[in-house]
Amino acid sequence: MTDGIIYVMESGYSWFVTDALAVIEHCSFTKSNEFLCIKLLLNEGKGRMVITDGNDKKLYSQEYEFTDAQKELKLFWTGNVLMLSNEY
């Protein structure tokens, strides 16, 4: 993890980062994709994690029935490192 990810986790999004890391660690698509884009999308108190190959090919999606998150996030995973999109 980068310093940016640690900051995001300390700012109330540790649940999302933890979920993303668990999916990446345990899903078979990770082995065949060197780059992943992980997005947290928000809509009226609900959330959705979407993992793509970076070219909008959806590999995984998870719904959250409730979230108090105030900001959507985009994370990248490459070289076994999770980072904020602006750290890439």
Protein backbone atom coordinates (compact mmCIF):
# COMPACT_ATOMS: atom_id res chain seq x y z
CA MET A 1 0.00 0.00 0.00
CA THR A 2 1.05 3.55 -0.63
CA ASP A 3 0.93 6.48 1.77
CA GLY A 4 -2.18 7.68 -0.09
CA ILE A 5 -4.01 4.42 0.61
CA ILE A 6 -3.04 4.58 4.27
CA TYR A 7 -4.42 8.14 4.42
CA VAL A 8 -7.69 7.01 2.79
CA MET A 9 -7.99 4.16 5.30
CA GLU A 10 -7.41 6.53 8.22
CA SER A 11 -10.06 8.88 6.76
CA GLY A 12 -12.92 6.41 7.17
CA TYR A 13 -12.60 4.24 4.08
CA SER A 14 -10.75 1.30 5.60
CA TRP A 15 -13.82 -0.91 5.02
CA PHE A 16 -13.62 -0.26 1.27
CA VAL A 17 -9.85 -0.75 1.01
CA THR A 18 -10.10 -3.96 3.07
CA ASP A 19 -12.89 -5.30 0.84
CA ALA A 20 -10.95 -4.43 -2.31
CA LEU A 21 -7.80 -6.13 -1.04
CA ALA A 22 -9.75 -9.24 -0.04
CA VAL A 23 -11.28 -9.53 -3.51
CA ILE A 24 -7.94 -8.96 -5.22
CA GLU A 25 -6.24 -11.51 -2.99
CA HIS A 26 -8.82 -14.27 -3.46
CA CYS A 27 -10.19 -13.93 -7.00
CA SER A 28 -8.66 -15.79 -9.92
CA PHE A 29 -8.86 -12.79 -12.29
CA THR A 30 -5.98 -11.17 -10.40
CA LYS A 31 -3.52 -13.71 -11.77
CA SER A 32 -4.42 -12.94 -15.39
CA ASN A 33 -4.52 -9.13 -15.06
CA GLU A 34 -1.41 -7.12 -14.25
CA PHE A 35 -3.47 -3.95 -13.78
CA LEU A 36 -6.81 -3.44 -12.03
CA CYS A 37 -8.97 -0.35 -11.55
CA ILE A 38 -11.14 -0.39 -8.42
CA LYS A 39 -13.92 2.18 -8.12
CA LEU A 40 -16.25 3.06 -5.27
CA LEU A 41 -19.41 4.50 -6.81
CA LEU A 42 -22.02 6.22 -4.63
CA ASN A 43 -25.74 6.72 -5.13
CA GLU A 44 -28.11 8.02 -2.44
CA GLY A 45 -26.49 6.37 0.58
CA LYS A 46 -25.65 3.15 -1.26
CA GLY A 47 -22.36 2.13 -2.78
CA ARG A 48 -20.91 -0.20 -5.34
CA MET A 49 -17.38 -1.48 -5.79
CA VAL A 50 -16.51 -2.18 -9.41
CA ILE A 51 -13.23 -3.79 -10.43
CA THR A 52 -12.21 -3.58 -14.07
CA ASP A 53 -9.15 -4.41 -16.12
CA GLY A 54 -8.55 -0.70 -16.64
CA ASN A 55 -10.23 -0.81 -20.05
CA ASP A 56 -13.77 -0.93 -18.65
CA LYS A 57 -14.03 -4.74 -18.80
CA LYS A 58 -15.87 -5.49 -15.55
CA LEU A 59 -14.31 -8.31 -13.59
CA TYR A 60 -16.15 -7.97 -10.29
CA SER A 61 -18.90 -5.94 -8.66
CA GLN A 62 -20.12 -5.73 -5.06
CA GLU A 63 -23.08 -3.78 -3.70
CA TYR A 64 -23.26 -1.95 -0.37
CA GLU A 65 -26.80 -1.33 0.85
CA PHE A 66 -25.62 1.51 3.08
CA THR A 67 -22.58 3.73 3.23
CA ASP A 68 -21.84 7.05 4.85
CA ALA A 69 -19.01 7.65 2.37
CA GLN A 70 -19.06 11.17 0.97
CA LYS A 71 -16.61 10.77 -1.89
CA GLU A 72 -16.24 8.32 -4.74
CA LEU A 73 -12.81 6.71 -5.05
CA LYS A 74 -10.71 5.29 -7.84
CA LEU A 75 -7.80 3.01 -6.92
CA PHE A 76 -5.28 1.18 -9.08
CA TRP A 77 -3.62 -2.14 -8.39
CA THR A 78 -0.45 -3.07 -10.25
CA GLY A 79 2.76 -4.82 -9.33
CA ASN A 80 1.09 -6.05 -6.12
CA VAL A 81 0.67 -2.45 -4.95
CA LEU A 82 -2.64 -0.71 -4.25
CA MET A 83 -2.53 3.04 -4.90
CA LEU A 84 -4.69 6.09 -5.45
CA SER A 85 -5.26 6.94 -9.10
CA ASN A 86 -3.20 10.12 -8.76
CA GLU A 87 -0.24 8.11 -7.40
CA TYR A 88 0.04 6.01 -10.58
